[in-house]
Protein backbone atom coordinates (compact mmCIF):
# COMPACT_ATOMS: atom_id res chain seq x y z
CA UNK A 1 0.66 19.73 2.40
CA UNK A 2 0.37 22.59 4.92
CA UNK A 3 2.03 20.50 7.65
CA UNK A 4 4.81 19.45 5.30
CA UNK A 5 5.52 23.00 4.18
CA UNK A 6 5.41 24.20 7.80
CA UNK A 7 8.07 21.64 8.79
CA UNK A 8 10.16 22.03 5.61
CA UNK A 9 9.30 25.22 3.71
CA UNK A 10 11.66 24.49 0.81
CA UNK A 11 12.76 21.41 -1.14
CA UNK A 12 14.25 19.37 -2.49
CA UNK A 13 11.87 16.78 -1.02
CA UNK A 14 12.10 13.00 -0.69
CA UNK A 15 8.70 11.42 -0.07
CA UNK A 16 7.79 7.85 0.78
CA UNK A 17 4.85 5.79 1.94
CA UNK A 18 3.78 2.22 2.68
CA UNK A 19 0.73 0.75 0.94
CA UNK A 20 -1.93 3.40 0.34
CA UNK A 21 0.33 6.02 1.95
CA UNK A 22 2.59 5.56 -1.08
CA UNK A 23 -0.23 6.84 -3.27
CA UNK A 24 -0.50 9.84 -0.95
CA UNK A 25 3.24 10.46 -1.35
CA UNK A 26 2.91 10.44 -5.15
CA UNK A 27 0.03 12.92 -5.03
CA UNK A 28 1.91 15.20 -2.62
CA UNK A 29 4.87 15.10 -5.03
CA UNK A 30 2.60 16.19 -7.87
CA UNK A 31 1.18 19.09 -5.84
CA UNK A 32 4.62 20.21 -4.67
CA UNK A 33 5.93 20.27 -8.23
CA UNK A 34 2.84 22.14 -9.41
CA UNK A 35 3.75 24.80 -6.84
CA UNK A 36 7.31 25.06 -8.12
CA UNK A 37 9.05 22.86 -5.52
CA UNK A 38 11.68 20.23 -6.32
CA UNK A 39 10.97 16.58 -5.49
CA UNK A 40 14.09 14.47 -5.83
CA UNK A 41 12.55 11.08 -5.19
CA UNK A 42 9.32 9.28 -4.32
CA UNK A 43 9.54 5.85 -2.68
CA UNK A 44 6.56 3.50 -2.44
CA UNK A 45 6.27 0.20 -0.59
CA UNK A 46 3.66 -2.32 -1.81
CA UNK A 47 1.67 0.49 -3.42
CA UNK A 48 -0.52 -0.12 -6.45
CA UNK A 49 -1.05 2.97 -8.56
CA UNK A 50 -4.60 4.28 -8.01
CA UNK A 51 -6.74 3.92 -11.13
CA UNK A 52 -4.44 1.27 -12.62
CA UNK A 53 -7.06 -1.49 -12.73
CA UNK A 54 -9.57 0.76 -14.52
CA UNK A 55 -7.48 0.42 -17.68
CA UNK A 56 -7.98 -3.35 -17.68
CA UNK A 57 -10.87 -5.39 -19.00
CA UNK A 58 -13.75 -6.35 -16.73
CA UNK A 59 -12.73 -10.01 -16.74
CA UNK A 60 -9.14 -9.13 -15.81
CA UNK A 61 -10.35 -6.86 -12.99
CA UNK A 62 -12.55 -9.64 -11.60
CA UNK A 63 -9.70 -12.15 -11.87
CA UNK A 64 -7.32 -9.76 -10.12
CA UNK A 65 -9.77 -9.19 -7.28
CA UNK A 66 -10.36 -12.91 -6.79
CA UNK A 67 -6.66 -13.76 -6.94
CA UNK A 68 -5.82 -10.96 -4.51
CA UNK A 69 -8.50 -12.02 -2.01
CA UNK A 70 -7.35 -15.64 -2.19
CA UNK A 71 -3.73 -14.58 -1.68
CA UNK A 72 -4.65 -12.46 1.37
CA UNK A 73 -6.59 -15.21 3.10
CA UNK A 74 -4.02 -17.90 2.31
CA UNK A 75 -1.37 -15.73 3.98
CA UNK A 76 -3.64 -15.15 6.97
CA UNK A 77 -4.27 -18.89 7.29
CA UNK A 78 -0.52 -19.46 7.28
CA UNK A 79 -0.32 -16.95 10.15
CA UNK A 80 -2.91 -19.02 12.02
CA UNK A 81 -0.80 -22.15 11.56
CA UNK A 82 2.23 -20.26 12.88
CA UNK A 83 0.15 -18.98 15.84
CA UNK A 84 0.64 -15.37 14.68
CA UNK A 85 -3.14 -15.06 14.36
CA UNK A 86 -5.97 -16.90 16.09
CA UNK A 87 -8.54 -18.88 14.15
CA UNK A 88 -11.30 -16.51 15.30
CA UNK A 89 -9.32 -13.50 14.04
CA UNK A 90 -8.92 -15.21 10.68
CA UNK A 91 -12.65 -15.97 10.43
CA UNK A 92 -13.57 -12.43 11.43
CA UNK A 93 -11.35 -11.05 8.67
CA UNK A 94 -14.17 -12.14 6.33
CA UNK A 95 -16.75 -9.35 6.12
CA UNK A 96 -19.74 -11.70 6.20
CA UNK A 97 -18.46 -13.41 9.36
CA UNK A 98 -17.96 -10.10 11.14
CA UNK A 99 -21.42 -8.95 10.00
CA UNK A 100 -22.90 -12.11 11.57
CA UNK A 101 -21.04 -11.37 14.82
CA UNK A 102 -22.43 -7.82 14.88
CA UNK A 103 -25.93 -9.17 14.21
CA UNK A 104 -25.52 -11.61 17.10
CA UNK A 105 -24.70 -8.65 19.38
CA UNK A 106 -27.87 -6.82 18.27
CA UNK A 107 -29.94 -9.94 18.92
CA UNK A 108 -28.43 -10.33 22.37
CA UNK A 109 -26.66 -13.58 21.54
CA UNK A 110 -23.25 -12.01 22.20
CA UNK A 111 -22.31 -9.27 24.64
CA UNK A 112 -19.92 -7.69 22.16
CA UNK A 113 -18.40 -8.44 18.77
CA UNK A 114 -14.88 -9.88 18.91
CA UNK A 115 -12.13 -7.55 17.82
CA UNK A 116 -10.88 -7.87 14.28
CA UNK A 117 -7.16 -8.10 13.60
CA UNK A 118 -6.00 -4.99 11.75
CA UNK A 119 -2.71 -3.35 10.95
CA UNK A 120 -4.29 0.12 11.12
CA UNK A 121 -5.17 2.25 14.11
CA UNK A 122 -7.87 3.42 14.00
CA UNK A 123 -9.61 1.22 11.38
CA UNK A 124 -11.94 4.04 10.25
CA UNK A 125 -8.94 5.88 8.82
CA UNK A 126 -8.11 2.91 6.63
CA UNK A 127 -11.67 2.79 5.32
CA UNK A 128 -11.56 6.53 4.61
CA UNK A 129 -8.35 6.19 2.56
CA UNK A 130 -9.58 3.13 0.68
CA UNK A 131 -12.83 4.86 -0.25
CA UNK A 132 -10.92 7.94 -1.41
CA UNK A 133 -8.64 5.78 -3.56
CA UNK A 134 -11.59 4.32 -5.48
CA UNK A 135 -12.34 7.67 -7.11
CA UNK A 136 -8.75 8.84 -7.58
CA UNK A 137 -6.43 8.33 -10.53
CA UNK A 138 -2.79 9.38 -10.16
CA UNK A 139 -1.69 11.43 -13.20
CA UNK A 140 1.98 11.00 -12.38
CA UNK A 141 4.69 13.50 -11.51
CA UNK A 142 8.00 14.72 -12.90
CA UNK A 143 10.61 12.83 -10.94
CA UNK A 144 12.22 9.51 -10.06
CA UNK A 145 10.23 6.76 -8.40
CA UNK A 146 11.33 3.65 -6.50
CA UNK A 147 8.77 0.85 -6.18
CA UNK A 148 9.55 -1.71 -3.46
CA UNK A 149 7.60 -4.97 -3.63
CA UNK A 150 7.53 -7.22 -0.56
CA UNK A 151 7.43 -11.01 -0.71
CA UNK A 152 3.67 -10.77 -0.08
CA UNK A 153 2.98 -8.75 -3.23
CA UNK A 154 0.93 -10.91 -5.63
CA UNK A 155 2.80 -11.93 -8.76
CA UNK A 156 1.60 -13.41 -12.01
CA UNK A 157 0.67 -12.54 -15.60
CA UNK A 158 -2.20 -10.26 -14.51
CA UNK A 159 -0.19 -8.44 -11.84
CA UNK A 160 1.91 -5.68 -13.42
CA UNK A 161 5.58 -5.98 -12.39
CA UNK A 162 5.76 -2.20 -11.83
CA UNK A 163 2.47 -2.11 -9.92
CA UNK A 164 0.98 0.27 -12.48
CA UNK A 165 3.64 2.99 -12.11
CA UNK A 166 5.31 2.38 -15.49
CA UNK A 167 4.68 5.86 -16.93
CA UNK A 168 4.09 7.70 -13.64
CA UNK A 169 7.46 9.35 -13.22
CA UNK A 170 9.02 11.87 -15.56
CA UNK A 171 12.35 10.38 -14.56
CA UNK A 172 13.21 6.76 -13.82
CA UNK A 173 10.89 4.11 -12.36
CA UNK A 174 13.02 1.60 -10.46
CA UNK A 175 11.49 -1.62 -9.10
CA UNK A 176 13.07 -3.63 -6.28
CA UNK A 177 11.95 -6.94 -4.80
CA UNK A 178 12.27 -6.48 -1.04
CA UNK A 179 12.77 -9.23 1.50
CA UNK A 180 10.11 -9.61 4.17
CA UNK A 181 6.37 -9.13 4.26
CA UNK A 182 4.11 -6.12 3.89
CA UNK A 183 4.65 -5.01 7.48
CA UNK A 184 8.17 -6.39 8.01
CA UNK A 185 10.18 -5.27 4.97
CA UNK A 186 11.04 -2.03 6.76
CA UNK A 187 12.21 -3.86 9.89
CA UNK A 188 15.42 -5.70 10.67
CA UNK A 189 17.02 -7.57 9.00
CA UNK A 190 15.40 -6.26 5.81
CA UNK A 191 15.69 -2.50 6.32
CA UNK A 192 19.44 -2.09 5.54
CA UNK A 193 19.00 -3.44 2.00
CA UNK A 194 16.14 -1.02 1.35
CA UNK A 195 18.15 1.85 2.80
CA UNK A 196 21.09 1.00 0.54
CA UNK A 197 18.85 1.07 -2.56
CA UNK A 198 17.41 4.46 -1.58
CA UNK A 199 20.88 5.85 -0.87
CA UNK A 200 22.10 4.70 -4.30
CA UNK A 201 19.12 6.38 -5.98
CA UNK A 202 19.70 9.64 -4.11
CA UNK A 203 23.37 9.64 -5.10
CA UNK A 204 22.30 9.21 -8.74
CA UNK A 205 19.84 12.12 -8.59
CA UNK A 206 22.08 14.49 -6.59
């Protein structure tokens, strides 16, 4: 917040974030509005609303977790088949496999644990954000929200089409299916379509 206000002391603000950073954007919007600032729009990309699954039954939460884990590893295996990821990187994406590799290092069977494939740098920051999200529930904010869902976003009867943001915005909640994957929907050739949707929303709220 302090850095944002230092760079842009006054609104109106447009905030956006990918994955868990989208949850951060929504919380920053809430704090800005609580301080009297105007937030015109919040844009999230593949962001589930924190606290959303707590409203579901235990069986549904377990089913969601299993389905999500299966979906993640199926996509990673497809990346192995396309040579976008090595087989060892895929295996080490399983926590138990990486734990075995670390144990082998301690026992002197390996010199060092192989590196895990990750989209975050550094990985500790990702763990910090994920742990913080577990105890956080987003109360919503007074403004418009765009929810972009990549082709990798799980879909099905248990996966809410609005990713839990249905009643989060005091204004409109607009959902768009975006072309591309979690890390590619903001790259060419997918970015222009996203930009056009954001531009249209800004023209509506201006």
